[in-house]
Amino acid sequence: MGYGNSKRDHVSPITRRSPNTEIYCGPGVNNAGNNSNEGESGWYTFPVNFNSTCFALFCGLRNTDTNKPMNYDSEVQPRNWTTTKFNVYKQKFGSGDPWFANFIWWAIGR
């Protein structure tokens, strides 16, 4: 599985209390392979590194593949992350017809 390319090119500050406690959030979109393979993904890089920590990562699958428009029985779960990159676990649910296409993510850190 390859690396994803985020369509967002920045990580934005959302709160500023002092220079040492600035909180950043970074939204993005990556591709989970355009396949039905369950398992751990490759690494995706954040478009901008967090300075000291990424303490929350949220992901949601959105199937935008026009060849498989009805295949939604799946999910991507945050698996591992650092200040520079993350990966996900591609999870099938039930006996449906899963498809892992684009997914959205939101990371929060300092």
PDB file of N, CA and C in Angstrom:
ATOM      1  N   MET A   1       0.839  -1.174   0.000  1.00  0.00           N
ATOM      2  CA  MET A   1       0.000   0.000   0.000  1.00  0.00           C
ATOM      3  C   MET A   1       0.881   1.234   0.000  1.00  0.00           C
ATOM      4  N   GLY A   2       0.505   2.194  -0.755  1.00  0.00           N
ATOM      5  CA  GLY A   2       1.345   3.366  -0.923  1.00  0.00           C
ATOM      6  C   GLY A   2       1.049   4.473   0.051  1.00  0.00           C
ATOM      7  N   TYR A   3       1.812   5.482  -0.056  1.00  0.00           N
ATOM      8  CA  TYR A   3       1.637   6.669   0.754  1.00  0.00           C
ATOM      9  C   TYR A   3       0.509   7.496   0.184  1.00  0.00           C
ATOM     10  N   GLY A   4      -0.202   8.191   1.047  1.00  0.00           N
ATOM     11  CA  GLY A   4      -1.266   9.062   0.587  1.00  0.00           C
ATOM     12  C   GLY A   4      -0.755  10.464   0.369  1.00  0.00           C
ATOM     13  N   ASN A   5      -1.448  11.198  -0.432  1.00  0.00           N
ATOM     14  CA  ASN A   5      -1.125  12.599  -0.660  1.00  0.00           C
ATOM     15  C   ASN A   5      -2.294  13.428  -0.190  1.00  0.00           C
ATOM     16  N   SER A   6      -2.071  14.209   0.817  1.00  0.00           N
ATOM     17  CA  SER A   6      -3.136  15.040   1.347  1.00  0.00           C
ATOM     18  C   SER A   6      -3.485  16.141   0.368  1.00  0.00           C
ATOM     19  N   LYS A   7      -4.773  16.437   0.273  1.00  0.00           N
ATOM     20  CA  LYS A   7      -5.215  17.523  -0.589  1.00  0.00           C
ATOM     21  C   LYS A   7      -5.142  18.860   0.144  1.00  0.00           C
ATOM     22  N   ARG A   8      -4.851  18.842   1.447  1.00  0.00           N
ATOM     23  CA  ARG A   8      -4.678  20.069   2.220  1.00  0.00           C
ATOM     24  C   ARG A   8      -3.193  20.346   2.338  1.00  0.00           C
ATOM     25  N   ASP A   9      -2.810  21.593   2.323  1.00  0.00           N
ATOM     26  CA  ASP A   9      -1.388  21.902   2.353  1.00  0.00           C
ATOM     27  C   ASP A   9      -0.964  22.691   3.583  1.00  0.00           C
ATOM     28  N   HIS A  10      -1.770  22.651   4.629  1.00  0.00           N
ATOM     29  CA  HIS A  10      -1.376  23.393   5.831  1.00  0.00           C
ATOM     30  C   HIS A  10      -1.986  22.778   7.080  1.00  0.00           C
ATOM     31  N   VAL A  11      -1.389  23.100   8.191  1.00  0.00           N
ATOM     32  CA  VAL A  11      -1.931  22.775   9.509  1.00  0.00           C
ATOM     33  C   VAL A  11      -2.176  24.111  10.183  1.00  0.00           C
ATOM     34  N   SER A  12      -3.382  24.359  10.615  1.00  0.00           N
ATOM     35  CA  SER A  12      -3.778  25.685  11.091  1.00  0.00           C
ATOM     36  C   SER A  12      -3.839  25.762  12.609  1.00  0.00           C
ATOM     37  N   PRO A  13      -3.386  26.870  13.199  1.00  0.00           N
ATOM     38  CA  PRO A  13      -3.580  27.040  14.639  1.00  0.00           C
ATOM     39  C   PRO A  13      -5.055  27.320  14.916  1.00  0.00           C
ATOM     40  N   ILE A  14      -5.604  26.655  15.934  1.00  0.00           N
ATOM     41  CA  ILE A  14      -7.001  26.895  16.272  1.00  0.00           C
ATOM     42  C   ILE A  14      -7.156  27.596  17.623  1.00  0.00           C
ATOM     43  N   THR A  15      -6.147  27.543  18.462  1.00  0.00           N
ATOM     44  CA  THR A  15      -6.206  28.189  19.765  1.00  0.00           C
ATOM     45  C   THR A  15      -4.826  28.741  20.089  1.00  0.00           C
ATOM     46  N   ARG A  16      -4.778  29.896  20.705  1.00  0.00           N
ATOM     47  CA  ARG A  16      -3.479  30.422  21.116  1.00  0.00           C
ATOM     48  C   ARG A  16      -3.606  30.982  22.526  1.00  0.00           C
ATOM     49  N   ARG A  17      -2.983  30.280  23.472  1.00  0.00           N
ATOM     50  CA  ARG A  17      -2.967  30.755  24.860  1.00  0.00           C
ATOM     51  C   ARG A  17      -1.614  31.383  25.175  1.00  0.00           C
ATOM     52  N   SER A  18      -0.575  30.745  24.735  1.00  0.00           N
ATOM     53  CA  SER A  18       0.787  31.261  24.840  1.00  0.00           C
ATOM     54  C   SER A  18       1.604  30.550  23.768  1.00  0.00           C
ATOM     55  N   PRO A  19       2.786  31.015  23.447  1.00  0.00           N
ATOM     56  CA  PRO A  19       3.564  30.363  22.384  1.00  0.00           C
ATOM     57  C   PRO A  19       3.845  28.892  22.636  1.00  0.00           C
ATOM     58  N   ASN A  20       3.882  28.453  23.897  1.00  0.00           N
ATOM     59  CA  ASN A  20       4.194  27.059  24.207  1.00  0.00           C
ATOM     60  C   ASN A  20       2.983  26.144  24.208  1.00  0.00           C
ATOM     61  N   THR A  21       1.786  26.684  24.116  1.00  0.00           N
ATOM     62  CA  THR A  21       0.594  25.842  24.166  1.00  0.00           C
ATOM     63  C   THR A  21      -0.300  26.016  22.948  1.00  0.00           C
ATOM     64  N   GLU A  22       0.248  26.446  21.848  1.00  0.00           N
ATOM     65  CA  GLU A  22      -0.532  26.627  20.638  1.00  0.00           C
ATOM     66  C   GLU A  22      -1.009  25.266  20.124  1.00  0.00           C
ATOM     67  N   ILE A  23      -2.290  25.172  19.849  1.00  0.00           N
ATOM     68  CA  ILE A  23      -2.890  23.937  19.369  1.00  0.00           C
ATOM     69  C   ILE A  23      -3.093  24.052  17.858  1.00  0.00           C
ATOM     70  N   TYR A  24      -2.737  23.006  17.135  1.00  0.00           N
ATOM     71  CA  TYR A  24      -2.903  22.983  15.691  1.00  0.00           C
ATOM     72  C   TYR A  24      -3.848  21.856  15.299  1.00  0.00           C
ATOM     73  N   CYS A  25      -4.592  22.078  14.220  1.00  0.00           N
ATOM     74  CA  CYS A  25      -5.407  21.008  13.669  1.00  0.00           C
ATOM     75  C   CYS A  25      -5.106  20.902  12.190  1.00  0.00           C
ATOM     76  N   GLY A  26      -5.166  19.709  11.684  1.00  0.00           N
ATOM     77  CA  GLY A  26      -4.878  19.495  10.279  1.00  0.00           C
ATOM     78  C   GLY A  26      -5.874  18.558   9.651  1.00  0.00           C
ATOM     79  N   PRO A  27      -6.706  19.051   8.744  1.00  0.00           N
ATOM     80  CA  PRO A  27      -7.624  18.176   8.011  1.00  0.00           C
ATOM     81  C   PRO A  27      -6.991  17.685   6.715  1.00  0.00           C
ATOM     82  N   GLY A  28      -7.471  16.570   6.203  1.00  0.00           N
ATOM     83  CA  GLY A  28      -6.960  16.084   4.935  1.00  0.00           C
ATOM     84  C   GLY A  28      -7.791  14.963   4.352  1.00  0.00           C
ATOM     85  N   VAL A  29      -7.437  14.581   3.147  1.00  0.00           N
ATOM     86  CA  VAL A  29      -8.068  13.468   2.431  1.00  0.00           C
ATOM     87  C   VAL A  29      -6.950  12.585   1.893  1.00  0.00           C
ATOM     88  N   ASN A  30      -7.060  11.290   2.106  1.00  0.00           N
ATOM     89  CA  ASN A  30      -6.097  10.341   1.571  1.00  0.00           C
ATOM     90  C   ASN A  30      -6.841   9.180   0.928  1.00  0.00           C
ATOM     91  N   ASN A  31      -6.119   8.339   0.211  1.00  0.00           N
ATOM     92  CA  ASN A  31      -6.724   7.186  -0.444  1.00  0.00           C
ATOM     93  C   ASN A  31      -6.286   5.909   0.258  1.00  0.00           C
ATOM     94  N   ALA A  32      -7.230   5.015   0.517  1.00  0.00           N
ATOM     95  CA  ALA A  32      -6.959   3.764   1.223  1.00  0.00           C
ATOM     96  C   ALA A  32      -6.736   2.597   0.267  1.00  0.00           C
ATOM     97  N   GLY A  33      -6.516   2.851  -0.993  1.00  0.00           N
ATOM     98  CA  GLY A  33      -6.111   1.799  -1.913  1.00  0.00           C
ATOM     99  C   GLY A  33      -7.051   1.454  -3.052  1.00  0.00           C
ATOM    100  N   ASN A  34      -8.304   1.918  -3.002  1.00  0.00           N
ATOM    101  CA  ASN A  34      -9.298   1.535  -4.015  1.00  0.00           C
ATOM    102  C   ASN A  34      -9.350   0.020  -4.199  1.00  0.00           C
ATOM    103  N   ASN A  35      -9.543  -0.671  -3.069  1.00  0.00           N
ATOM    104  CA  ASN A  35      -9.651  -2.123  -3.101  1.00  0.00           C
ATOM    105  C   ASN A  35     -10.501  -2.593  -1.918  1.00  0.00           C
ATOM    106  N   SER A  36     -10.676  -3.899  -1.797  1.00  0.00           N
ATOM    107  CA  SER A  36     -11.470  -4.447  -0.690  1.00  0.00           C
ATOM    108  C   SER A  36     -10.586  -5.166   0.326  1.00  0.00           C
ATOM    109  N   ASN A  37      -9.288  -4.898   0.332  1.00  0.00           N
ATOM    110  CA  ASN A  37      -8.340  -5.588   1.207  1.00  0.00           C
ATOM    111  C   ASN A  37      -8.370  -5.036   2.625  1.00  0.00           C
ATOM    112  N   GLU A  38      -8.706  -5.888   3.576  1.00  0.00           N
ATOM    113  CA  GLU A  38      -8.681  -5.518   4.979  1.00  0.00           C
ATOM    114  C   GLU A  38      -7.240  -5.593   5.477  1.00  0.00           C
ATOM    115  N   GLY A  39      -6.887  -4.743   6.437  1.00  0.00           N
ATOM    116  CA  GLY A  39      -5.566  -4.814   7.042  1.00  0.00           C
ATOM    117  C   GLY A  39      -4.968  -3.444   7.279  1.00  0.00           C
ATOM    118  N   GLU A  40      -3.750  -3.458   7.784  1.00  0.00           N
ATOM    119  CA  GLU A  40      -3.056  -2.212   8.100  1.00  0.00           C
ATOM    120  C   GLU A  40      -2.527  -1.555   6.828  1.00  0.00           C
ATOM    121  N   SER A  41      -2.719  -0.241   6.743  1.00  0.00           N
ATOM    122  CA  SER A  41      -2.287   0.510   5.563  1.00  0.00           C
ATOM    123  C   SER A  41      -0.804   0.843   5.633  1.00  0.00           C
ATOM    124  N   GLY A  42      -0.304   1.413   4.567  1.00  0.00           N
ATOM    125  CA  GLY A  42       1.016   2.017   4.576  1.00  0.00           C
ATOM    126  C   GLY A  42       0.946   3.335   5.332  1.00  0.00           C
ATOM    127  N   TRP A  43       2.025   4.071   5.330  1.00  0.00           N
ATOM    128  CA  TRP A  43       2.078   5.338   6.053  1.00  0.00           C
ATOM    129  C   TRP A  43       1.628   6.497   5.173  1.00  0.00           C
ATOM    130  N   TYR A  44       0.903   7.425   5.783  1.00  0.00           N
ATOM    131  CA  TYR A  44       0.495   8.678   5.163  1.00  0.00           C
ATOM    132  C   TYR A  44       1.203   9.800   5.912  1.00  0.00           C
ATOM    133  N   THR A  45       1.698  10.787   5.203  1.00  0.00           N
ATOM    134  CA  THR A  45       2.408  11.882   5.859  1.00  0.00           C
ATOM    135  C   THR A  45       1.496  13.082   6.066  1.00  0.00           C
ATOM    136  N   PHE A  46       1.650  13.743   7.206  1.00  0.00           N
ATOM    137  CA  PHE A  46       0.948  14.995   7.435  1.00  0.00           C
ATOM    138  C   PHE A  46       1.563  16.046   6.510  1.00  0.00           C
ATOM    139  N   PRO A  47       0.765  16.943   5.963  1.00  0.00           N
ATOM    140  CA  PRO A  47       1.323  17.953   5.054  1.00  0.00           C
ATOM    141  C   PRO A  47       2.303  18.895   5.753  1.00  0.00           C
ATOM    142  N   VAL A  48       2.103  19.115   7.048  1.00  0.00           N
ATOM    143  CA  VAL A  48       3.013  19.909   7.872  1.00  0.00           C
ATOM    144  C   VAL A  48       3.200  19.147   9.177  1.00  0.00           C
ATOM    145  N   ASN A  49       4.444  19.008   9.624  1.00  0.00           N
ATOM    146  CA  ASN A  49       4.717  18.279  10.860  1.00  0.00           C
ATOM    147  C   ASN A  49       4.199  19.034  12.078  1.00  0.00           C
ATOM    148  N   PHE A  50       3.758  18.286  13.082  1.00  0.00           N
ATOM    149  CA  PHE A  50       3.449  18.889  14.379  1.00  0.00           C
ATOM    150  C   PHE A  50       4.764  19.124  15.101  1.00  0.00           C
ATOM    151  N   ASN A  51       4.847  20.189  15.896  1.00  0.00           N
ATOM    152  CA  ASN A  51       6.099  20.540  16.572  1.00  0.00           C
ATOM    153  C   ASN A  51       6.498  19.531  17.639  1.00  0.00           C
ATOM    154  N   SER A  52       5.546  19.110  18.504  1.00  0.00           N
ATOM    155  CA  SER A  52       5.926  18.233  19.610  1.00  0.00           C
ATOM    156  C   SER A  52       5.070  16.988  19.750  1.00  0.00           C
ATOM    157  N   THR A  53       3.788  17.049  19.413  1.00  0.00           N
ATOM    158  CA  THR A  53       2.935  15.872  19.575  1.00  0.00           C
ATOM    159  C   THR A  53       1.681  15.979  18.720  1.00  0.00           C
ATOM    160  N   CYS A  54       1.184  14.850  18.300  1.00  0.00           N
ATOM    161  CA  CYS A  54      -0.153  14.741  17.710  1.00  0.00           C
ATOM    162  C   CYS A  54      -0.933  13.877  18.684  1.00  0.00           C
ATOM    163  N   PHE A  55      -1.911  14.474  19.398  1.00  0.00           N
ATOM    164  CA  PHE A  55      -2.579  13.717  20.446  1.00  0.00           C
ATOM    165  C   PHE A  55      -3.973  13.240  20.087  1.00  0.00           C
ATOM    166  N   ALA A  56      -4.476  13.527  18.906  1.00  0.00           N
ATOM    167  CA  ALA A  56      -5.759  12.991  18.479  1.00  0.00           C
ATOM    168  C   ALA A  56      -5.797  12.894  16.962  1.00  0.00           C
ATOM    169  N   LEU A  57      -6.311  11.784  16.463  1.00  0.00           N
ATOM    170  CA  LEU A  57      -6.458  11.568  15.033  1.00  0.00           C
ATOM    171  C   LEU A  57      -7.805  10.909  14.794  1.00  0.00           C
ATOM    172  N   PHE A  58      -8.616  11.514  13.963  1.00  0.00           N
ATOM    173  CA  PHE A  58      -9.949  11.013  13.651  1.00  0.00           C
ATOM    174  C   PHE A  58     -10.019  10.731  12.154  1.00  0.00           C
ATOM    175  N   CYS A  59     -10.628   9.612  11.772  1.00  0.00           N
ATOM    176  CA  CYS A  59     -10.741   9.247  10.359  1.00  0.00           C
ATOM    177  C   CYS A  59     -12.167   8.841  10.031  1.00  0.00           C
ATOM    178  N   GLY A  60     -12.575   9.070   8.800  1.00  0.00           N
ATOM    179  CA  GLY A  60     -13.877   8.637   8.316  1.00  0.00           C
ATOM    180  C   GLY A  60     -13.786   8.276   6.853  1.00  0.00           C
ATOM    181  N   LEU A  61     -14.379   7.152   6.484  1.00  0.00           N
ATOM    182  CA  LEU A  61     -14.326   6.681   5.106  1.00  0.00           C
ATOM    183  C   LEU A  61     -15.400   7.364   4.276  1.00  0.00           C
ATOM    184  N   ARG A  62     -15.047   7.737   3.074  1.00  0.00           N
ATOM    185  CA  ARG A  62     -16.036   8.273   2.145  1.00  0.00           C
ATOM    186  C   ARG A  62     -15.744   7.685   0.780  1.00  0.00           C
ATOM    187  N   ASN A  63     -16.628   6.872   0.303  1.00  0.00           N
ATOM    188  CA  ASN A  63     -16.421   6.187  -0.966  1.00  0.00           C
ATOM    189  C   ASN A  63     -16.785   7.120  -2.107  1.00  0.00           C
ATOM    190  N   THR A  64     -15.791   7.602  -2.823  1.00  0.00           N
ATOM    191  CA  THR A  64     -16.027   8.474  -3.978  1.00  0.00           C
ATOM    192  C   THR A  64     -15.657   7.771  -5.278  1.00  0.00           C
ATOM    193  N   ASP A  65     -15.466   6.467  -5.211  1.00  0.00           N
ATOM    194  CA  ASP A  65     -15.111   5.694  -6.398  1.00  0.00           C
ATOM    195  C   ASP A  65     -16.380   5.432  -7.208  1.00  0.00           C
ATOM    196  N   THR A  66     -16.487   6.034  -8.378  1.00  0.00           N
ATOM    197  CA  THR A  66     -17.704   5.895  -9.188  1.00  0.00           C
ATOM    198  C   THR A  66     -17.878   4.491  -9.761  1.00  0.00           C
ATOM    199  N   ASN A  67     -16.821   3.676  -9.749  1.00  0.00           N
ATOM    200  CA  ASN A  67     -16.944   2.289 -10.212  1.00  0.00           C
ATOM    201  C   ASN A  67     -17.573   1.384  -9.158  1.00  0.00           C
ATOM    202  N   LYS A  68     -17.563   1.798  -7.889  1.00  0.00           N
ATOM    203  CA  LYS A  68     -18.107   0.996  -6.782  1.00  0.00           C
ATOM    204  C   LYS A  68     -18.959   1.893  -5.876  1.00  0.00           C
ATOM    205  N   PRO A  69     -19.969   2.564  -6.395  1.00  0.00           N
ATOM    206  CA  PRO A  69     -20.694   3.569  -5.606  1.00  0.00           C
ATOM    207  C   PRO A  69     -21.518   3.019  -4.449  1.00  0.00           C
ATOM    208  N   MET A  70     -21.863   1.741  -4.452  1.00  0.00           N
ATOM    209  CA  MET A  70     -22.718   1.186  -3.407  1.00  0.00           C
ATOM    210  C   MET A  70     -21.942   0.404  -2.349  1.00  0.00           C
ATOM    211  N   ASN A  71     -20.638   0.371  -2.420  1.00  0.00           N
ATOM    212  CA  ASN A  71     -19.834  -0.422  -1.492  1.00  0.00           C
ATOM    213  C   ASN A  71     -19.381   0.432  -0.313  1.00  0.00           C
ATOM    214  N   TYR A  72     -20.063   0.295   0.823  1.00  0.00           N
ATOM    215  CA  TYR A  72     -19.756   1.120   2.002  1.00  0.00           C
ATOM    216  C   TYR A  72     -19.538   0.321   3.276  1.00  0.00           C
ATOM    217  N   ASP A  73     -19.568  -0.974   3.242  1.00  0.00           N
ATOM    218  CA  ASP A  73     -19.551  -1.780   4.451  1.00  0.00           C
ATOM    219  C   ASP A  73     -18.131  -1.931   4.992  1.00  0.00           C
ATOM    220  N   SER A  74     -17.525  -0.805   5.336  1.00  0.00           N
ATOM    221  CA  SER A  74     -16.138  -0.822   5.794  1.00  0.00           C
ATOM    222  C   SER A  74     -15.836   0.449   6.580  1.00  0.00           C
ATOM    223  N   GLU A  75     -14.660   0.482   7.212  1.00  0.00           N
ATOM    224  CA  GLU A  75     -14.247   1.629   8.029  1.00  0.00           C
ATOM    225  C   GLU A  75     -12.728   1.684   8.069  1.00  0.00           C
ATOM    226  N   VAL A  76     -12.177   2.883   8.232  1.00  0.00           N
ATOM    227  CA  VAL A  76     -10.747   3.031   8.504  1.00  0.00           C
ATOM    228  C   VAL A  76     -10.605   3.548   9.930  1.00  0.00           C
ATOM    229  N   GLN A  77      -9.699   2.922  10.672  1.00  0.00           N
ATOM    230  CA  GLN A  77      -9.486   3.278  12.074  1.00  0.00           C
ATOM    231  C   GLN A  77      -8.053   3.762  12.243  1.00  0.00           C
ATOM    232  N   PRO A  78      -7.840   4.889  12.942  1.00  0.00           N
ATOM    233  CA  PRO A  78      -6.459   5.320  13.215  1.00  0.00           C
ATOM    234  C   PRO A  78      -5.705   4.194  13.924  1.00  0.00           C
ATOM    235  N   ARG A  79      -4.505   3.891  13.485  1.00  0.00           N
ATOM    236  CA  ARG A  79      -3.737   2.787  14.051  1.00  0.00           C
ATOM    237  C   ARG A  79      -2.509   3.296  14.802  1.00  0.00           C
ATOM    238  N   ASN A  80      -1.613   3.963  14.109  1.00  0.00           N
ATOM    239  CA  ASN A  80      -0.379   4.497  14.688  1.00  0.00           C
ATOM    240  C   ASN A  80      -0.169   5.899  14.150  1.00  0.00           C
ATOM    241  N   TRP A  81       0.404   6.786  14.954  1.00  0.00           N
ATOM    242  CA  TRP A  81       0.735   8.104  14.449  1.00  0.00           C
ATOM    243  C   TRP A  81       1.872   8.719  15.245  1.00  0.00           C
ATOM    244  N   THR A  82       2.574   9.631  14.561  1.00  0.00           N
ATOM    245  CA  THR A  82       3.682  10.381  15.147  1.00  0.00           C
ATOM    246  C   THR A  82       3.427  11.851  14.840  1.00  0.00           C
ATOM    247  N   THR A  83       4.446  12.674  14.976  1.00  0.00           N
ATOM    248  CA  THR A  83       4.299  14.087  14.635  1.00  0.00           C
ATOM    249  C   THR A  83       4.390  14.322  13.128  1.00  0.00           C
ATOM    250  N   THR A  84       4.785  13.294  12.361  1.00  0.00           N
ATOM    251  CA  THR A  84       4.988  13.469  10.918  1.00  0.00           C
ATOM    252  C   THR A  84       4.122  12.580  10.035  1.00  0.00           C
ATOM    253  N   LYS A  85       3.587  11.475  10.575  1.00  0.00           N
ATOM    254  CA  LYS A  85       2.888  10.509   9.728  1.00  0.00           C
ATOM    255  C   LYS A  85       1.888   9.690  10.538  1.00  0.00           C
ATOM    256  N   PHE A  86       1.042   8.948   9.802  1.00  0.00           N
ATOM    257  CA  PHE A  86       0.073   8.060  10.449  1.00  0.00           C
ATOM    258  C   PHE A  86      -0.293   6.922   9.507  1.00  0.00           C
ATOM    259  N   ASN A  87      -0.876   5.874  10.075  1.00  0.00           N
ATOM    260  CA  ASN A  87      -1.467   4.836   9.248  1.00  0.00           C
ATOM    261  C   ASN A  87      -2.801   4.431   9.849  1.00  0.00           C
ATOM    262  N   VAL A  88      -3.561   3.645   9.105  1.00  0.00           N
ATOM    263  CA  VAL A  88      -4.902   3.247   9.526  1.00  0.00           C
ATOM    264  C   VAL A  88      -5.061   1.740   9.377  1.00  0.00           C
ATOM    265  N   TYR A  89      -6.073   1.199  10.065  1.00  0.00           N
ATOM    266  CA  TYR A  89      -6.462  -0.187   9.868  1.00  0.00           C
ATOM    267  C   TYR A  89      -7.746  -0.190   9.061  1.00  0.00           C
ATOM    268  N   LYS A  90      -7.738  -0.877   7.937  1.00  0.00           N
ATOM    269  CA  LYS A  90      -8.909  -0.973   7.073  1.00  0.00           C
ATOM    270  C   LYS A  90      -9.742  -2.163   7.534  1.00  0.00           C
ATOM    271  N   GLN A  91     -10.918  -1.895   8.080  1.00  0.00           N
ATOM    272  CA  GLN A  91     -11.750  -2.900   8.747  1.00  0.00           C
ATOM    273  C   GLN A  91     -13.021  -3.179   7.948  1.00  0.00           C
ATOM    274  N   LYS A  92     -13.266  -4.456   7.660  1.00  0.00           N
ATOM    275  CA  LYS A  92     -14.525  -4.867   7.036  1.00  0.00           C
ATOM    276  C   LYS A  92     -15.562  -5.103   8.132  1.00  0.00           C
ATOM    277  N   PHE A  93     -16.804  -4.800   7.827  1.00  0.00           N
ATOM    278  CA  PHE A  93     -17.900  -5.056   8.765  1.00  0.00           C
ATOM    279  C   PHE A  93     -18.952  -5.913   8.081  1.00  0.00           C
ATOM    280  N   GLY A  94     -19.436  -6.928   8.787  1.00  0.00           N
ATOM    281  CA  GLY A  94     -20.525  -7.749   8.268  1.00  0.00           C
ATOM    282  C   GLY A  94     -20.145  -8.523   7.022  1.00  0.00           C
ATOM    283  N   SER A  95     -21.166  -8.918   6.290  1.00  0.00           N
ATOM    284  CA  SER A  95     -20.949  -9.722   5.088  1.00  0.00           C
ATOM    285  C   SER A  95     -21.216  -8.922   3.819  1.00  0.00           C
ATOM    286  N   GLY A  96     -21.190  -7.606   3.933  1.00  0.00           N
ATOM    287  CA  GLY A  96     -21.435  -6.743   2.781  1.00  0.00           C
ATOM    288  C   GLY A  96     -20.286  -6.760   1.793  1.00  0.00           C
ATOM    289  N   ASP A  97     -20.291  -5.826   0.906  1.00  0.00           N
ATOM    290  CA  ASP A  97     -19.283  -5.732  -0.136  1.00  0.00           C
ATOM    291  C   ASP A  97     -18.409  -4.511   0.151  1.00  0.00           C
ATOM    292  N   PRO A  98     -17.328  -4.670   0.934  1.00  0.00           N
ATOM    293  CA  PRO A  98     -16.537  -3.517   1.348  1.00  0.00           C
ATOM    294  C   PRO A  98     -15.719  -2.920   0.207  1.00  0.00           C
ATOM    295  N   TRP A  99     -15.409  -1.644   0.355  1.00  0.00           N
ATOM    296  CA  TRP A  99     -14.546  -0.963  -0.604  1.00  0.00           C
ATOM    297  C   TRP A  99     -13.837   0.171   0.117  1.00  0.00           C
ATOM    298  N   PHE A 100     -12.524   0.194   0.027  1.00  0.00           N
ATOM    299  CA  PHE A 100     -11.724   1.224   0.684  1.00  0.00           C
ATOM    300  C   PHE A 100     -11.219   2.210  -0.357  1.00  0.00           C
ATOM    301  N   ALA A 101     -11.810   3.382  -0.383  1.00  0.00           N
ATOM    302  CA  ALA A 101     -11.425   4.417  -1.341  1.00  0.00           C
ATOM    303  C   ALA A 101     -10.851   5.597  -0.559  1.00  0.00           C
ATOM    304  N   ASN A 102     -11.309   6.805  -0.839  1.00  0.00           N
ATOM    305  CA  ASN A 102     -10.820   7.979  -0.112  1.00  0.00           C
ATOM    306  C   ASN A 102     -11.358   8.014   1.305  1.00  0.00           C
ATOM    307  N   PHE A 103     -10.549   8.549   2.212  1.00  0.00           N
ATOM    308  CA  PHE A 103     -11.028   8.775   3.571  1.00  0.00           C
ATOM    309  C   PHE A 103     -10.578  10.160   4.012  1.00  0.00           C
ATOM    310  N   ILE A 104     -11.349  10.726   4.915  1.00  0.00           N
ATOM    311  CA  ILE A 104     -11.021  12.037   5.462  1.00  0.00           C
ATOM    312  C   ILE A 104     -10.380  11.841   6.821  1.00  0.00           C
ATOM    313  N   TRP A 105      -9.547  12.780   7.219  1.00  0.00           N
ATOM    314  CA  TRP A 105      -8.924  12.704   8.544  1.00  0.00           C
ATOM    315  C   TRP A 105      -8.803  14.100   9.143  1.00  0.00           C
ATOM    316  N   TRP A 106      -8.685  14.102  10.454  1.00  0.00           N
ATOM    317  CA  TRP A 106      -8.530  15.347  11.212  1.00  0.00           C
ATOM    318  C   TRP A 106      -7.556  15.044  12.352  1.00  0.00           C
ATOM    319  N   ALA A 107      -6.449  15.744  12.397  1.00  0.00           N
ATOM    320  CA  ALA A 107      -5.443  15.545  13.441  1.00  0.00           C
ATOM    321  C   ALA A 107      -5.314  16.807  14.284  1.00  0.00           C
ATOM    322  N   ILE A 108      -5.101  16.615  15.594  1.00  0.00           N
ATOM    323  CA  ILE A 108      -4.961  17.723  16.533  1.00  0.00           C
ATOM    324  C   ILE A 108      -3.684  17.497  17.338  1.00  0.00           C
ATOM    325  N   GLY A 109      -2.897  18.552  17.493  1.00  0.00           N
ATOM    326  CA  GLY A 109      -1.661  18.428  18.255  1.00  0.00           C
ATOM    327  C   GLY A 109      -0.996  19.769  18.482  1.00  0.00           C
ATOM    328  N   ARG A 110       0.261  19.680  18.916  1.00  0.00           N
ATOM    329  CA  ARG A 110       1.089  20.878  19.167  1.00  0.00           C
ATOM    330  C   ARG A 110       2.326  20.811  18.323  1.00  0.00           C
TER     331      ARG A 110
END
